Amino acid sequence: METKRLRFFVLLAEELHFGRAARRAGVAQSVLSVQIKRLEDEVGAELFVRTRRDVRLSEIGQRFVFEARALLDRLEQARRVANTLKSGKNEVLRVAMTTVAMLGKAPQVIGRYRDTHPQIEVEIRELGTVDQESALADREIDLGFLHPPLDRAEIDVLPLPPSRFLALRRRRALEASASERWADALGNPIIFYGRRRAPRLYDAFISSAHELGITPEIAAEARSFLSAVGAASAGVGSALVPEEMRVCVPSNVEIVDLTDCPLRLQNGVAYRTDHGSQTLASMIDFIGRAIKGAKFGSGEASPGGR
């Protein structure tokens, strides 16, 4: 299967218009049509449903596009690794980070590692915890800053200090609230995360509320910390987010420090126990020393989520 055809397929899946996709690809529309037809012949199924009015992905096409993008991404990554090694670097380490990790101390620590190891190229990408766990299992990344616990025996986790939670809500006065007790915060409609997405965090939240005799009103279920920030800005309710999200708060949202909030988001650095790389071992050791040097902050471990 030619990568050229996969690229044409992804372009057409994005545009759902042969003319626009052909212009983006820099080929004639007839060439694009032929290549798509040959790809469908190779796959053995129609990837698009074509009518006089529109073009749309078939059910098989909707699934195939994710695999095609993943394959093209892997090929691009291989090309970058080859170019990096050609430029004189000794090795490439592939590091993934969650959104919270990206906004915290992790990039700074990796930056200090790069400064002291100029012969090592570090490739950083943003991935959620679940995707990182799969990528580590498939050896697509070497190291992941994520939110444990994990479910795979072949992956070890170096614990990092957990993140405190803040409350965010649409500003109602010129002065932002400095702090608020957890019980008072639970008196507001809450923007939180579904149990399927973050079971441990959800259970810890509900349990802490029930211990105070409060049944929280969940005004909206957020799919991510960023979407919770957006919902708070829209006035949907009070969003509970990790402290790292401070930098993403819009101007119409006030930040409320929760003085006795029992929730913590667990953080950690994950890697395969059988990685066999001295370079990766040196990075893990570097991060461990950064933790001891208090360069990741401090906090107590308690229930977290994904």
C-alpha atoms as a PDB file:
ATOM      1  CA  MET A   1       0.000   0.000   0.000  1.00  0.00           C
ATOM      2  CA  GLU A   2       1.578   3.271  -1.141  1.00  0.00           C
ATOM      3  CA  THR A   3       1.886   6.076   1.409  1.00  0.00           C
ATOM      4  CA  LYS A   4       0.986   8.521  -1.371  1.00  0.00           C
ATOM      5  CA  ARG A   5      -2.485   6.986  -1.577  1.00  0.00           C
ATOM      6  CA  LEU A   6      -2.875   7.138   2.187  1.00  0.00           C
ATOM      7  CA  ARG A   7      -2.017  10.840   2.129  1.00  0.00           C
ATOM      8  CA  PHE A   8      -4.555  11.455  -0.634  1.00  0.00           C
ATOM      9  CA  PHE A   9      -7.137   9.512   1.359  1.00  0.00           C
ATOM     10  CA  VAL A  10      -6.547  11.571   4.532  1.00  0.00           C
ATOM     11  CA  LEU A  11      -6.798  14.824   2.547  1.00  0.00           C
ATOM     12  CA  LEU A  12     -10.086  13.763   0.992  1.00  0.00           C
ATOM     13  CA  ALA A  13     -11.377  12.620   4.397  1.00  0.00           C
ATOM     14  CA  GLU A  14     -10.650  16.114   5.723  1.00  0.00           C
ATOM     15  CA  GLU A  15     -12.102  18.037   2.790  1.00  0.00           C
ATOM     16  CA  LEU A  16     -14.893  15.662   1.658  1.00  0.00           C
ATOM     17  CA  HIS A  17     -14.565  17.371  -1.714  1.00  0.00           C
ATOM     18  CA  PHE A  18     -12.461  16.008  -4.573  1.00  0.00           C
ATOM     19  CA  GLY A  19     -11.644  19.419  -6.023  1.00  0.00           C
ATOM     20  CA  ARG A  20     -10.412  20.954  -2.772  1.00  0.00           C
ATOM     21  CA  ALA A  21      -8.492  17.818  -1.795  1.00  0.00           C
ATOM     22  CA  ALA A  22      -6.806  17.703  -5.221  1.00  0.00           C
ATOM     23  CA  ARG A  23      -5.735  21.349  -4.905  1.00  0.00           C
ATOM     24  CA  ARG A  24      -4.233  20.672  -1.464  1.00  0.00           C
ATOM     25  CA  ALA A  25      -2.439  17.626  -2.844  1.00  0.00           C
ATOM     26  CA  GLY A  26      -1.161  19.578  -5.859  1.00  0.00           C
ATOM     27  CA  VAL A  27      -2.548  17.093  -8.392  1.00  0.00           C
ATOM     28  CA  ALA A  28      -5.358  17.004 -10.915  1.00  0.00           C
ATOM     29  CA  GLN A  29      -8.744  15.871  -9.635  1.00  0.00           C
ATOM     30  CA  SER A  30      -8.671  12.898 -12.011  1.00  0.00           C
ATOM     31  CA  VAL A  31      -5.357  11.730 -10.515  1.00  0.00           C
ATOM     32  CA  LEU A  32      -6.790  11.928  -7.008  1.00  0.00           C
ATOM     33  CA  SER A  33      -9.890   9.966  -8.038  1.00  0.00           C
ATOM     34  CA  VAL A  34      -7.794   7.201  -9.577  1.00  0.00           C
ATOM     35  CA  GLN A  35      -5.567   6.906  -6.516  1.00  0.00           C
ATOM     36  CA  ILE A  36      -8.551   6.750  -4.156  1.00  0.00           C
ATOM     37  CA  LYS A  37     -10.143   4.039  -6.306  1.00  0.00           C
ATOM     38  CA  ARG A  38      -6.902   2.018  -6.271  1.00  0.00           C
ATOM     39  CA  LEU A  39      -6.705   2.360  -2.499  1.00  0.00           C
ATOM     40  CA  GLU A  40     -10.271   1.109  -2.162  1.00  0.00           C
ATOM     41  CA  ASP A  41      -9.380  -1.839  -4.373  1.00  0.00           C
ATOM     42  CA  GLU A  42      -6.425  -2.641  -2.121  1.00  0.00           C
ATOM     43  CA  VAL A  43      -8.532  -2.367   1.023  1.00  0.00           C
ATOM     44  CA  GLY A  44     -11.347  -4.330  -0.564  1.00  0.00           C
ATOM     45  CA  ALA A  45     -14.084  -1.917   0.494  1.00  0.00           C
ATOM     46  CA  GLU A  46     -15.492   1.503  -0.340  1.00  0.00           C
ATOM     47  CA  LEU A  47     -13.985   4.188   1.877  1.00  0.00           C
ATOM     48  CA  PHE A  48     -16.277   6.955   0.649  1.00  0.00           C
ATOM     49  CA  VAL A  49     -19.954   7.213  -0.202  1.00  0.00           C
ATOM     50  CA  ARG A  50     -20.281   9.366  -3.320  1.00  0.00           C
ATOM     51  CA  THR A  51     -23.460  11.057  -4.490  1.00  0.00           C
ATOM     52  CA  ARG A  52     -24.125  13.906  -6.908  1.00  0.00           C
ATOM     53  CA  ARG A  53     -24.429  16.278  -3.975  1.00  0.00           C
ATOM     54  CA  ASP A  54     -21.665  15.274  -1.633  1.00  0.00           C
ATOM     55  CA  VAL A  55     -18.870  12.936  -0.595  1.00  0.00           C
ATOM     56  CA  ARG A  56     -18.737  11.378   2.836  1.00  0.00           C
ATOM     57  CA  LEU A  57     -16.775   8.669   4.604  1.00  0.00           C
ATOM     58  CA  SER A  58     -18.298   5.221   4.664  1.00  0.00           C
ATOM     59  CA  GLU A  59     -18.486   3.372   7.970  1.00  0.00           C
ATOM     60  CA  ILE A  60     -15.290   1.511   7.079  1.00  0.00           C
ATOM     61  CA  GLY A  61     -13.705   4.770   5.935  1.00  0.00           C
ATOM     62  CA  GLN A  62     -14.439   6.397   9.299  1.00  0.00           C
ATOM     63  CA  ARG A  63     -12.429   3.712  11.026  1.00  0.00           C
ATOM     64  CA  PHE A  64      -9.738   3.451   8.386  1.00  0.00           C
ATOM     65  CA  VAL A  65      -8.897   7.164   8.556  1.00  0.00           C
ATOM     66  CA  PHE A  66      -7.655   6.833  12.152  1.00  0.00           C
ATOM     67  CA  GLU A  67      -5.334   3.984  11.187  1.00  0.00           C
ATOM     68  CA  ALA A  68      -4.110   5.869   8.112  1.00  0.00           C
ATOM     69  CA  ARG A  69      -3.284   8.965  10.160  1.00  0.00           C
ATOM     70  CA  ALA A  70      -1.495   6.869  12.787  1.00  0.00           C
ATOM     71  CA  LEU A  71       0.605   5.147  10.112  1.00  0.00           C
ATOM     72  CA  LEU A  72       1.527   8.445   8.447  1.00  0.00           C
ATOM     73  CA  ASP A  73       2.444   9.904  11.839  1.00  0.00           C
ATOM     74  CA  ARG A  74       4.723   6.941  12.533  1.00  0.00           C
ATOM     75  CA  LEU A  75       6.420   7.359   9.143  1.00  0.00           C
ATOM     76  CA  GLU A  76       6.937  11.062   9.804  1.00  0.00           C
ATOM     77  CA  GLN A  77       8.361  10.280  13.221  1.00  0.00           C
ATOM     78  CA  ALA A  78      10.763   7.773  11.676  1.00  0.00           C
ATOM     79  CA  ARG A  79      11.873  10.408   9.167  1.00  0.00           C
ATOM     80  CA  ARG A  80      12.517  12.924  11.964  1.00  0.00           C
ATOM     81  CA  VAL A  81      14.492  10.369  13.968  1.00  0.00           C
ATOM     82  CA  ALA A  82      16.639   9.538  10.939  1.00  0.00           C
ATOM     83  CA  ASN A  83      17.310  13.232  10.254  1.00  0.00           C
ATOM     84  CA  THR A  84      18.155  13.811  13.917  1.00  0.00           C
ATOM     85  CA  LEU A  85      20.657  10.972  14.002  1.00  0.00           C
ATOM     86  CA  LYS A  86      22.120  12.155  10.699  1.00  0.00           C
ATOM     87  CA  SER A  87      22.686  15.614  12.207  1.00  0.00           C
ATOM     88  CA  GLY A  88      25.037  14.160  14.821  1.00  0.00           C
ATOM     89  CA  LYS A  89      22.740  13.374  17.750  1.00  0.00           C
ATOM     90  CA  ASN A  90      23.482  10.051  19.435  1.00  0.00           C
ATOM     91  CA  GLU A  91      19.937   9.055  20.355  1.00  0.00           C
ATOM     92  CA  VAL A  92      16.338  10.244  20.354  1.00  0.00           C
ATOM     93  CA  LEU A  93      14.064  10.007  23.393  1.00  0.00           C
ATOM     94  CA  ARG A  94      10.334  10.266  22.759  1.00  0.00           C
ATOM     95  CA  VAL A  95       8.526  11.927  25.663  1.00  0.00           C
ATOM     96  CA  ALA A  96       4.780  12.403  26.022  1.00  0.00           C
ATOM     97  CA  MET A  97       2.986  14.730  28.442  1.00  0.00           C
ATOM     98  CA  THR A  98      -0.602  15.289  29.471  1.00  0.00           C
ATOM     99  CA  THR A  99      -2.017  18.815  29.265  1.00  0.00           C
ATOM    100  CA  VAL A 100      -1.502  19.282  33.004  1.00  0.00           C
ATOM    101  CA  ALA A 101       2.119  18.120  32.735  1.00  0.00           C
ATOM    102  CA  MET A 102       2.720  20.479  29.790  1.00  0.00           C
ATOM    103  CA  LEU A 103       1.534  23.410  31.925  1.00  0.00           C
ATOM    104  CA  GLY A 104       3.549  22.355  34.963  1.00  0.00           C
ATOM    105  CA  LYS A 105       7.230  21.780  35.728  1.00  0.00           C
ATOM    106  CA  ALA A 106       7.827  18.833  33.370  1.00  0.00           C
ATOM    107  CA  PRO A 107       8.950  20.880  30.307  1.00  0.00           C
ATOM    108  CA  GLN A 108      11.377  22.860  32.481  1.00  0.00           C
ATOM    109  CA  VAL A 109      12.976  19.704  33.864  1.00  0.00           C
ATOM    110  CA  ILE A 110      13.245  18.164  30.389  1.00  0.00           C
ATOM    111  CA  GLY A 111      14.771  21.439  29.206  1.00  0.00           C
ATOM    112  CA  ARG A 112      17.453  21.221  31.894  1.00  0.00           C
ATOM    113  CA  TYR A 113      18.148  17.631  30.859  1.00  0.00           C
ATOM    114  CA  ARG A 114      18.617  18.736  27.240  1.00  0.00           C
ATOM    115  CA  ASP A 115      20.979  21.505  28.364  1.00  0.00           C
ATOM    116  CA  THR A 116      23.220  18.981  30.116  1.00  0.00           C
ATOM    117  CA  HIS A 117      22.891  16.304  27.419  1.00  0.00           C
ATOM    118  CA  PRO A 118      23.211  18.168  24.100  1.00  0.00           C
ATOM    119  CA  GLN A 119      24.008  14.944  22.252  1.00  0.00           C
ATOM    120  CA  ILE A 120      20.492  13.616  23.017  1.00  0.00           C
ATOM    121  CA  GLU A 121      17.476  14.768  21.016  1.00  0.00           C
ATOM    122  CA  VAL A 122      14.215  14.891  22.966  1.00  0.00           C
ATOM    123  CA  GLU A 123      10.960  14.730  21.030  1.00  0.00           C
ATOM    124  CA  ILE A 124       7.913  15.939  22.995  1.00  0.00           C
ATOM    125  CA  ARG A 125       4.267  15.343  22.181  1.00  0.00           C
ATOM    126  CA  GLU A 126       0.975  15.867  24.008  1.00  0.00           C
ATOM    127  CA  LEU A 127      -1.011  12.731  24.878  1.00  0.00           C
ATOM    128  CA  GLY A 128      -3.586  11.815  27.499  1.00  0.00           C
ATOM    129  CA  THR A 129      -2.889   9.174  30.130  1.00  0.00           C
ATOM    130  CA  VAL A 130      -4.812   6.377  28.419  1.00  0.00           C
ATOM    131  CA  ASP A 131      -3.094   7.040  25.082  1.00  0.00           C
ATOM    132  CA  GLN A 132       0.297   7.204  26.782  1.00  0.00           C
ATOM    133  CA  GLU A 133      -0.269   3.850  28.444  1.00  0.00           C
ATOM    134  CA  SER A 134      -1.004   2.281  25.054  1.00  0.00           C
ATOM    135  CA  ALA A 135       1.928   4.077  23.403  1.00  0.00           C
ATOM    136  CA  LEU A 136       4.322   2.807  26.075  1.00  0.00           C
ATOM    137  CA  ALA A 137       3.012  -0.734  25.653  1.00  0.00           C
ATOM    138  CA  ASP A 138       3.530  -0.483  21.876  1.00  0.00           C
ATOM    139  CA  ARG A 139       6.966   1.186  22.324  1.00  0.00           C
ATOM    140  CA  GLU A 140       5.800   4.299  20.449  1.00  0.00           C
ATOM    141  CA  ILE A 141       7.129   6.529  23.249  1.00  0.00           C
ATOM    142  CA  ASP A 142       9.931   6.068  25.773  1.00  0.00           C
ATOM    143  CA  LEU A 143       8.686   8.137  28.695  1.00  0.00           C
ATOM    144  CA  GLY A 144       5.360   9.598  29.744  1.00  0.00           C
ATOM    145  CA  PHE A 145       4.355  12.310  32.202  1.00  0.00           C
ATOM    146  CA  LEU A 146       0.850  11.218  33.130  1.00  0.00           C
ATOM    147  CA  HIS A 147      -1.658  10.561  35.921  1.00  0.00           C
ATOM    148  CA  PRO A 148      -1.308   7.126  37.574  1.00  0.00           C
ATOM    149  CA  PRO A 149      -2.171   4.472  38.584  1.00  0.00           C
ATOM    150  CA  LEU A 150      -1.757   2.366  35.461  1.00  0.00           C
ATOM    151  CA  ASP A 151      -2.957  -1.150  34.725  1.00  0.00           C
ATOM    152  CA  ARG A 152       0.063  -2.717  32.975  1.00  0.00           C
ATOM    153  CA  ALA A 153       2.664  -4.749  34.837  1.00  0.00           C
ATOM    154  CA  GLU A 154       5.386  -3.969  32.257  1.00  0.00           C
ATOM    155  CA  ILE A 155       5.157  -0.228  32.965  1.00  0.00           C
ATOM    156  CA  ASP A 156       6.730   1.323  36.058  1.00  0.00           C
ATOM    157  CA  VAL A 157       5.873   4.761  37.458  1.00  0.00           C
ATOM    158  CA  LEU A 158       8.106   7.221  39.280  1.00  0.00           C
ATOM    159  CA  PRO A 159       5.728   9.252  41.505  1.00  0.00           C
ATOM    160  CA  LEU A 160       5.731  13.036  41.217  1.00  0.00           C
ATOM    161  CA  PRO A 161       4.100  15.476  43.662  1.00  0.00           C
ATOM    162  CA  PRO A 162       0.311  15.551  43.140  1.00  0.00           C
ATOM    163  CA  SER A 163      -1.605  18.616  41.989  1.00  0.00           C
ATOM    164  CA  ARG A 164      -4.025  20.554  44.193  1.00  0.00           C
ATOM    165  CA  PHE A 165      -7.428  21.541  42.839  1.00  0.00           C
ATOM    166  CA  LEU A 166      -8.799  25.049  42.364  1.00  0.00           C
ATOM    167  CA  ALA A 167     -12.308  26.299  41.701  1.00  0.00           C
ATOM    168  CA  LEU A 168     -12.984  28.443  38.628  1.00  0.00           C
ATOM    169  CA  ARG A 169     -16.185  30.366  38.017  1.00  0.00           C
ATOM    170  CA  ARG A 170     -17.340  33.290  35.952  1.00  0.00           C
ATOM    171  CA  ARG A 171     -16.345  36.529  37.628  1.00  0.00           C
ATOM    172  CA  ARG A 172     -19.181  38.203  39.525  1.00  0.00           C
ATOM    173  CA  ALA A 173     -17.260  41.110  41.000  1.00  0.00           C
ATOM    174  CA  LEU A 174     -14.188  43.186  40.251  1.00  0.00           C
ATOM    175  CA  GLU A 175     -12.215  41.442  42.994  1.00  0.00           C
ATOM    176  CA  ALA A 176     -11.581  37.719  42.730  1.00  0.00           C
ATOM    177  CA  SER A 177     -12.211  35.569  45.804  1.00  0.00           C
ATOM    178  CA  ALA A 178      -8.956  34.768  47.580  1.00  0.00           C
ATOM    179  CA  SER A 179     -10.049  31.454  49.063  1.00  0.00           C
ATOM    180  CA  GLU A 180     -13.015  29.331  49.991  1.00  0.00           C
ATOM    181  CA  ARG A 181     -13.666  26.292  52.144  1.00  0.00           C
ATOM    182  CA  TRP A 182     -14.384  22.983  50.422  1.00  0.00           C
ATOM    183  CA  ALA A 183     -17.874  22.735  51.921  1.00  0.00           C
ATOM    184  CA  ASP A 184     -18.765  26.195  50.604  1.00  0.00           C
ATOM    185  CA  ALA A 185     -17.418  25.356  47.147  1.00  0.00           C
ATOM    186  CA  LEU A 186     -19.641  22.269  47.031  1.00  0.00           C
ATOM    187  CA  GLY A 187     -22.659  24.509  47.513  1.00  0.00           C
ATOM    188  CA  ASN A 188     -22.277  25.744  43.929  1.00  0.00           C
ATOM    189  CA  PRO A 189     -23.272  23.878  40.735  1.00  0.00           C
ATOM    190  CA  ILE A 190     -20.114  21.925  39.854  1.00  0.00           C
ATOM    191  CA  ILE A 191     -18.476  21.203  36.506  1.00  0.00           C
ATOM    192  CA  PHE A 192     -16.776  17.838  36.937  1.00  0.00           C
ATOM    193  CA  TYR A 193     -15.659  14.728  35.063  1.00  0.00           C
ATOM    194  CA  GLY A 194     -17.614  11.536  34.420  1.00  0.00           C
ATOM    195  CA  ARG A 195     -16.833   8.359  36.318  1.00  0.00           C
ATOM    196  CA  ARG A 196     -16.069   6.451  33.124  1.00  0.00           C
ATOM    197  CA  ARG A 197     -13.377   8.975  32.219  1.00  0.00           C
ATOM    198  CA  ALA A 198     -11.832   9.435  35.688  1.00  0.00           C
ATOM    199  CA  PRO A 199     -13.179   6.771  38.069  1.00  0.00           C
ATOM    200  CA  ARG A 200     -10.791   7.327  40.980  1.00  0.00           C
ATOM    201  CA  LEU A 201     -11.085  11.091  40.866  1.00  0.00           C
ATOM    202  CA  TYR A 202     -14.871  10.903  40.579  1.00  0.00           C
ATOM    203  CA  ASP A 203     -15.177   8.496  43.519  1.00  0.00           C
ATOM    204  CA  ALA A 204     -12.882  10.651  45.675  1.00  0.00           C
ATOM    205  CA  PHE A 205     -14.989  13.732  44.836  1.00  0.00           C
ATOM    206  CA  ILE A 206     -18.324  12.086  45.672  1.00  0.00           C
ATOM    207  CA  SER A 207     -16.940  10.470  48.829  1.00  0.00           C
ATOM    208  CA  SER A 208     -15.529  13.762  50.144  1.00  0.00           C
ATOM    209  CA  ALA A 209     -18.860  15.510  49.539  1.00  0.00           C
ATOM    210  CA  HIS A 210     -20.865  12.768  51.270  1.00  0.00           C
ATOM    211  CA  GLU A 211     -18.561  12.919  54.291  1.00  0.00           C
ATOM    212  CA  LEU A 212     -19.730  16.526  54.687  1.00  0.00           C
ATOM    213  CA  GLY A 213     -23.357  15.518  54.243  1.00  0.00           C
ATOM    214  CA  ILE A 214     -23.537  17.226  50.830  1.00  0.00           C
ATOM    215  CA  THR A 215     -24.935  15.830  47.600  1.00  0.00           C
ATOM    216  CA  PRO A 216     -23.141  17.894  44.933  1.00  0.00           C
ATOM    217  CA  GLU A 217     -25.056  19.318  41.990  1.00  0.00           C
ATOM    218  CA  ILE A 218     -23.089  18.421  38.859  1.00  0.00           C
ATOM    219  CA  ALA A 219     -24.128  21.079  36.348  1.00  0.00           C
ATOM    220  CA  ALA A 220     -22.049  19.670  33.482  1.00  0.00           C
ATOM    221  CA  GLU A 221     -19.722  16.774  32.738  1.00  0.00           C
ATOM    222  CA  ALA A 222     -16.442  17.949  31.190  1.00  0.00           C
ATOM    223  CA  ARG A 223     -14.391  15.759  28.855  1.00  0.00           C
ATOM    224  CA  SER A 224     -11.129  17.487  29.772  1.00  0.00           C
ATOM    225  CA  PHE A 225      -9.679  20.093  32.094  1.00  0.00           C
ATOM    226  CA  LEU A 226      -9.637  22.623  29.240  1.00  0.00           C
ATOM    227  CA  SER A 227     -13.307  22.033  28.467  1.00  0.00           C
ATOM    228  CA  ALA A 228     -14.071  22.545  32.180  1.00  0.00           C
ATOM    229  CA  VAL A 229     -12.328  25.943  31.999  1.00  0.00           C
ATOM    230  CA  GLY A 230     -14.448  26.848  28.974  1.00  0.00           C
ATOM    231  CA  ALA A 231     -17.658  25.805  30.714  1.00  0.00           C
ATOM    232  CA  ALA A 232     -16.750  27.948  33.734  1.00  0.00           C
ATOM    233  CA  SER A 233     -16.118  30.921  31.453  1.00  0.00           C
ATOM    234  CA  ALA A 234     -19.569  30.398  29.930  1.00  0.00           C
ATOM    235  CA  GLY A 235     -21.150  30.532  33.385  1.00  0.00           C
ATOM    236  CA  VAL A 236     -22.247  26.893  33.469  1.00  0.00           C
ATOM    237  CA  GLY A 237     -20.972  26.409  37.009  1.00  0.00           C
ATOM    238  CA  SER A 238     -17.890  26.175  39.181  1.00  0.00           C
ATOM    239  CA  ALA A 239     -15.129  24.072  37.580  1.00  0.00           C
ATOM    240  CA  LEU A 240     -12.717  22.049  39.668  1.00  0.00           C
ATOM    241  CA  VAL A 241      -9.339  21.909  37.906  1.00  0.00           C
ATOM    242  CA  PRO A 242      -5.690  21.214  38.842  1.00  0.00           C
ATOM    243  CA  GLU A 243      -3.628  24.204  39.895  1.00  0.00           C
ATOM    244  CA  GLU A 244      -1.541  24.045  36.689  1.00  0.00           C
ATOM    245  CA  MET A 245      -4.586  25.260  34.752  1.00  0.00           C
ATOM    246  CA  ARG A 246      -4.191  28.759  36.240  1.00  0.00           C
ATOM    247  CA  VAL A 247      -2.354  29.871  33.124  1.00  0.00           C
ATOM    248  CA  CYS A 248      -5.366  28.976  30.933  1.00  0.00           C
ATOM    249  CA  VAL A 249      -7.971  30.991  32.819  1.00  0.00           C
ATOM    250  CA  PRO A 250      -9.841  33.594  30.712  1.00  0.00           C
ATOM    251  CA  SER A 251     -10.155  37.165  31.979  1.00  0.00           C
ATOM    252  CA  ASN A 252     -13.822  36.749  32.912  1.00  0.00           C
ATOM    253  CA  VAL A 253     -13.103  33.838  35.266  1.00  0.00           C
ATOM    254  CA  GLU A 254     -12.075  34.153  38.906  1.00  0.00           C
ATOM    255  CA  ILE A 255      -9.724  31.698  40.583  1.00  0.00           C
ATOM    256  CA  VAL A 256     -10.752  30.457  44.022  1.00  0.00           C
ATOM    257  CA  ASP A 257      -8.176  28.660  46.152  1.00  0.00           C
ATOM    258  CA  LEU A 258      -9.780  25.816  48.092  1.00  0.00           C
ATOM    259  CA  THR A 259      -8.196  25.848  51.528  1.00  0.00           C
ATOM    260  CA  ASP A 260      -9.170  22.333  52.607  1.00  0.00           C
ATOM    261  CA  CYS A 261      -9.957  20.525  49.339  1.00  0.00           C
ATOM    262  CA  PRO A 262      -9.109  16.821  49.802  1.00  0.00           C
ATOM    263  CA  LEU A 263      -8.802  16.101  46.061  1.00  0.00           C
ATOM    264  CA  ARG A 264      -5.403  15.595  44.496  1.00  0.00           C
ATOM    265  CA  LEU A 265      -4.503  14.681  40.925  1.00  0.00           C
ATOM    266  CA  GLN A 266      -1.741  12.076  40.985  1.00  0.00           C
ATOM    267  CA  ASN A 267       1.236  12.689  38.722  1.00  0.00           C
ATOM    268  CA  GLY A 268       4.037  10.396  37.662  1.00  0.00           C
ATOM    269  CA  VAL A 269       6.654   9.504  35.071  1.00  0.00           C
ATOM    270  CA  ALA A 270       5.978   6.182  33.358  1.00  0.00           C
ATOM    271  CA  TYR A 271       8.353   3.958  31.394  1.00  0.00           C
ATOM    272  CA  ARG A 272       8.722   0.324  30.418  1.00  0.00           C
ATOM    273  CA  THR A 273      10.599  -1.810  32.931  1.00  0.00           C
ATOM    274  CA  ASP A 274      12.362  -3.592  30.047  1.00  0.00           C
ATOM    275  CA  HIS A 275      13.434  -0.476  28.121  1.00  0.00           C
ATOM    276  CA  GLY A 276      17.135  -1.449  28.141  1.00  0.00           C
ATOM    277  CA  SER A 277      18.315   2.096  27.302  1.00  0.00           C
ATOM    278  CA  GLN A 278      21.143   3.696  29.257  1.00  0.00           C
ATOM    279  CA  THR A 279      20.103   7.076  27.894  1.00  0.00           C
ATOM    280  CA  LEU A 280      16.539   6.663  29.139  1.00  0.00           C
ATOM    281  CA  ALA A 281      17.873   5.442  32.495  1.00  0.00           C
ATOM    282  CA  SER A 282      19.931   8.635  32.751  1.00  0.00           C
ATOM    283  CA  MET A 283      16.833  10.769  32.082  1.00  0.00           C
ATOM    284  CA  ILE A 284      14.815   8.890  34.708  1.00  0.00           C
ATOM    285  CA  ASP A 285      17.650   9.385  37.200  1.00  0.00           C
ATOM    286  CA  PHE A 286      17.797  13.091  36.289  1.00  0.00           C
ATOM    287  CA  ILE A 287      14.055  13.471  36.943  1.00  0.00           C
ATOM    288  CA  GLY A 288      14.391  11.604  40.240  1.00  0.00           C
ATOM    289  CA  ARG A 289      17.088  14.015  41.383  1.00  0.00           C
ATOM    290  CA  ALA A 290      14.900  16.947  40.298  1.00  0.00           C
ATOM    291  CA  ILE A 291      12.116  15.627  42.521  1.00  0.00           C
ATOM    292  CA  LYS A 292      14.460  15.379  45.502  1.00  0.00           C
ATOM    293  CA  GLY A 293      15.650  18.901  44.760  1.00  0.00           C
ATOM    294  CA  ALA A 294      12.028  20.140  45.103  1.00  0.00           C
ATOM    295  CA  LYS A 295      11.964  21.320  41.481  1.00  0.00           C
ATOM    296  CA  PHE A 296       8.583  19.687  40.984  1.00  0.00           C
ATOM    297  CA  GLY A 297       6.986  21.375  44.003  1.00  0.00           C
ATOM    298  CA  SER A 298       5.541  19.422  46.905  1.00  0.00           C
ATOM    299  CA  GLY A 299       2.290  17.835  47.980  1.00  0.00           C
ATOM    300  CA  GLU A 300       0.720  14.846  49.651  1.00  0.00           C
ATOM    301  CA  ALA A 301      -0.320  11.766  47.755  1.00  0.00           C
ATOM    302  CA  SER A 302      -4.026  10.997  47.649  1.00  0.00           C
ATOM    303  CA  PRO A 303      -6.651   9.714  45.212  1.00  0.00           C
ATOM    304  CA  GLY A 304      -6.150  10.899  41.655  1.00  0.00           C
ATOM    305  CA  GLY A 305      -7.694  10.289  38.256  1.00  0.00           C
ATOM    306  CA  ARG A 306      -7.012  10.129  34.558  1.00  0.00           C
END
